[in-house]
């Protein structure tokens, strides 16, 4: 992973002003790198990840434990375990829970 970043020295130069879409597809296919970016507060990288990653329940669970806001727009807003972890990490994630889950848990 480190060698991957050394070949792209501008990756972190302007993380808030450059769109993530300009970077290689390979960047968003690396689960460990995505988790590090999510942990650092860059939950928006989640929306650029390949479909197989964002539909991977175990990956989304790990990501929700690091940054609860990654559940926004995910296909797991009805998943009790993922949403509980997301809300534990960031109470604002409660807003993204499905209506049926909110009823079940009396949220």
C-alpha atoms as a PDB file:
ATOM      1  CA  UNK A   1       0.000   0.000   0.000  1.00  0.00           C
ATOM      2  CA  UNK A   2       2.765   2.459   0.856  1.00  0.00           C
ATOM      3  CA  UNK A   3       4.494   1.983  -2.504  1.00  0.00           C
ATOM      4  CA  UNK A   4       1.179   2.693  -4.197  1.00  0.00           C
ATOM      5  CA  UNK A   5       1.031   6.085  -2.468  1.00  0.00           C
ATOM      6  CA  UNK A   6       4.683   6.942  -3.188  1.00  0.00           C
ATOM      7  CA  UNK A   7       3.953   6.788  -6.904  1.00  0.00           C
ATOM      8  CA  UNK A   8       1.113   9.280  -6.440  1.00  0.00           C
ATOM      9  CA  UNK A   9       2.660  12.078  -4.365  1.00  0.00           C
ATOM     10  CA  UNK A  10      -0.170  14.500  -5.150  1.00  0.00           C
ATOM     11  CA  UNK A  11      -2.845  12.235  -3.654  1.00  0.00           C
ATOM     12  CA  UNK A  12      -3.102  14.185  -0.402  1.00  0.00           C
ATOM     13  CA  UNK A  13      -2.105  17.646  -1.724  1.00  0.00           C
ATOM     14  CA  UNK A  14      -5.620  19.043  -1.996  1.00  0.00           C
ATOM     15  CA  UNK A  15      -7.993  16.423  -0.598  1.00  0.00           C
ATOM     16  CA  UNK A  16     -10.828  18.875  -0.032  1.00  0.00           C
ATOM     17  CA  UNK A  17     -10.683  20.684  -3.365  1.00  0.00           C
ATOM     18  CA  UNK A  18      -9.839  17.998  -5.920  1.00  0.00           C
ATOM     19  CA  UNK A  19     -12.595  15.585  -6.892  1.00  0.00           C
ATOM     20  CA  UNK A  20     -11.827  11.992  -5.928  1.00  0.00           C
ATOM     21  CA  UNK A  21     -12.909  10.815  -9.368  1.00  0.00           C
ATOM     22  CA  UNK A  22      -9.593  11.910 -10.893  1.00  0.00           C
ATOM     23  CA  UNK A  23      -7.717   9.116  -9.122  1.00  0.00           C
ATOM     24  CA  UNK A  24      -7.174   5.587 -10.368  1.00  0.00           C
ATOM     25  CA  UNK A  25      -9.860   2.949 -10.103  1.00  0.00           C
ATOM     26  CA  UNK A  26      -7.164   0.895  -8.354  1.00  0.00           C
ATOM     27  CA  UNK A  27      -7.166   3.385  -5.485  1.00  0.00           C
ATOM     28  CA  UNK A  28     -10.817   2.759  -4.697  1.00  0.00           C
ATOM     29  CA  UNK A  29     -10.454  -1.013  -5.034  1.00  0.00           C
ATOM     30  CA  UNK A  30      -8.008  -1.233  -2.112  1.00  0.00           C
ATOM     31  CA  UNK A  31     -10.151  -2.031   0.943  1.00  0.00           C
ATOM     32  CA  UNK A  32      -7.422  -1.302   3.487  1.00  0.00           C
ATOM     33  CA  UNK A  33      -6.713   2.097   1.941  1.00  0.00           C
ATOM     34  CA  UNK A  34     -10.430   2.910   1.823  1.00  0.00           C
ATOM     35  CA  UNK A  35     -10.751   2.030   5.516  1.00  0.00           C
ATOM     36  CA  UNK A  36      -7.804   4.301   6.361  1.00  0.00           C
ATOM     37  CA  UNK A  37      -9.367   7.159   4.408  1.00  0.00           C
ATOM     38  CA  UNK A  38     -12.753   6.579   6.079  1.00  0.00           C
ATOM     39  CA  UNK A  39     -11.061   6.491   9.482  1.00  0.00           C
ATOM     40  CA  UNK A  40      -9.442   9.844   8.662  1.00  0.00           C
ATOM     41  CA  UNK A  41     -12.881  11.343   8.059  1.00  0.00           C
ATOM     42  CA  UNK A  42     -13.125  11.041   4.289  1.00  0.00           C
ATOM     43  CA  UNK A  43     -16.400   9.117   4.187  1.00  0.00           C
ATOM     44  CA  UNK A  44     -17.127  10.562   0.739  1.00  0.00           C
ATOM     45  CA  UNK A  45     -14.608   8.121  -0.794  1.00  0.00           C
ATOM     46  CA  UNK A  46     -17.142   5.409  -0.051  1.00  0.00           C
ATOM     47  CA  UNK A  47     -19.373   6.570  -2.886  1.00  0.00           C
ATOM     48  CA  UNK A  48     -16.540   6.117  -5.413  1.00  0.00           C
ATOM     49  CA  UNK A  49     -15.728   2.554  -4.343  1.00  0.00           C
ATOM     50  CA  UNK A  50     -16.639  -0.293  -6.699  1.00  0.00           C
ATOM     51  CA  UNK A  51     -20.072  -1.854  -6.233  1.00  0.00           C
ATOM     52  CA  UNK A  52     -18.658  -5.152  -4.972  1.00  0.00           C
ATOM     53  CA  UNK A  53     -16.989  -3.298  -2.092  1.00  0.00           C
ATOM     54  CA  UNK A  54     -19.954  -1.143  -1.091  1.00  0.00           C
ATOM     55  CA  UNK A  55     -22.200  -4.214  -1.164  1.00  0.00           C
ATOM     56  CA  UNK A  56     -19.763  -6.221   0.985  1.00  0.00           C
ATOM     57  CA  UNK A  57     -21.517  -6.412   4.350  1.00  0.00           C
ATOM     58  CA  UNK A  58     -18.345  -7.129   6.363  1.00  0.00           C
ATOM     59  CA  UNK A  59     -16.538  -4.184   4.780  1.00  0.00           C
ATOM     60  CA  UNK A  60     -19.455  -1.820   5.447  1.00  0.00           C
ATOM     61  CA  UNK A  61     -19.613  -3.033   9.057  1.00  0.00           C
ATOM     62  CA  UNK A  62     -15.897  -2.271   9.531  1.00  0.00           C
ATOM     63  CA  UNK A  63     -16.347   1.120   7.877  1.00  0.00           C
ATOM     64  CA  UNK A  64     -19.392   1.965  10.032  1.00  0.00           C
ATOM     65  CA  UNK A  65     -17.344   1.251  13.159  1.00  0.00           C
ATOM     66  CA  UNK A  66     -14.743   3.767  11.966  1.00  0.00           C
ATOM     67  CA  UNK A  67     -17.104   6.429  10.652  1.00  0.00           C
ATOM     68  CA  UNK A  68     -20.844   6.059  11.119  1.00  0.00           C
ATOM     69  CA  UNK A  69     -21.650   8.439   8.292  1.00  0.00           C
ATOM     70  CA  UNK A  70     -20.617   5.941   5.601  1.00  0.00           C
ATOM     71  CA  UNK A  71     -24.061   4.347   5.855  1.00  0.00           C
ATOM     72  CA  UNK A  72     -25.635   7.351   4.114  1.00  0.00           C
ATOM     73  CA  UNK A  73     -27.126   6.028   0.892  1.00  0.00           C
ATOM     74  CA  UNK A  74     -25.888   2.481   1.445  1.00  0.00           C
ATOM     75  CA  UNK A  75     -27.947  -0.640   0.909  1.00  0.00           C
ATOM     76  CA  UNK A  76     -27.536  -1.521   4.595  1.00  0.00           C
ATOM     77  CA  UNK A  77     -29.759   1.103   6.219  1.00  0.00           C
ATOM     78  CA  UNK A  78     -32.115  -1.691   7.301  1.00  0.00           C
ATOM     79  CA  UNK A  79     -29.316  -3.850   8.713  1.00  0.00           C
ATOM     80  CA  UNK A  80     -29.656  -3.716  12.493  1.00  0.00           C
ATOM     81  CA  UNK A  81     -26.030  -4.589  13.329  1.00  0.00           C
ATOM     82  CA  UNK A  82     -24.506  -2.138  10.858  1.00  0.00           C
ATOM     83  CA  UNK A  83     -26.815   0.695  11.859  1.00  0.00           C
ATOM     84  CA  UNK A  84     -26.204   0.121  15.581  1.00  0.00           C
ATOM     85  CA  UNK A  85     -22.443   0.348  14.985  1.00  0.00           C
ATOM     86  CA  UNK A  86     -22.879   3.436  12.822  1.00  0.00           C
ATOM     87  CA  UNK A  87     -24.988   5.174  15.479  1.00  0.00           C
ATOM     88  CA  UNK A  88     -22.504   4.187  18.215  1.00  0.00           C
ATOM     89  CA  UNK A  89     -19.786   5.884  16.202  1.00  0.00           C
ATOM     90  CA  UNK A  90     -21.811   8.922  15.164  1.00  0.00           C
ATOM     91  CA  UNK A  91     -25.305   9.605  16.460  1.00  0.00           C
ATOM     92  CA  UNK A  92     -26.127  11.561  13.322  1.00  0.00           C
ATOM     93  CA  UNK A  93     -26.148   8.224  11.432  1.00  0.00           C
ATOM     94  CA  UNK A  94     -29.533   7.579  13.040  1.00  0.00           C
ATOM     95  CA  UNK A  95     -31.032   9.885  10.418  1.00  0.00           C
ATOM     96  CA  UNK A  96     -30.034   7.396   7.714  1.00  0.00           C
ATOM     97  CA  UNK A  97     -31.680   4.327   9.277  1.00  0.00           C
ATOM     98  CA  UNK A  98     -34.608   2.924   7.330  1.00  0.00           C
ATOM     99  CA  UNK A  99     -38.081   3.753   8.605  1.00  0.00           C
ATOM    100  CA  UNK A 100     -38.811   0.084   9.312  1.00  0.00           C
ATOM    101  CA  UNK A 101     -35.649  -0.240  11.432  1.00  0.00           C
ATOM    102  CA  UNK A 102     -36.530   2.935  13.337  1.00  0.00           C
ATOM    103  CA  UNK A 103     -39.941   1.418  14.147  1.00  0.00           C
ATOM    104  CA  UNK A 104     -38.473  -1.912  15.254  1.00  0.00           C
ATOM    105  CA  UNK A 105     -35.925  -0.238  17.531  1.00  0.00           C
ATOM    106  CA  UNK A 106     -38.276   2.565  18.633  1.00  0.00           C
ATOM    107  CA  UNK A 107     -35.872   5.242  17.410  1.00  0.00           C
END
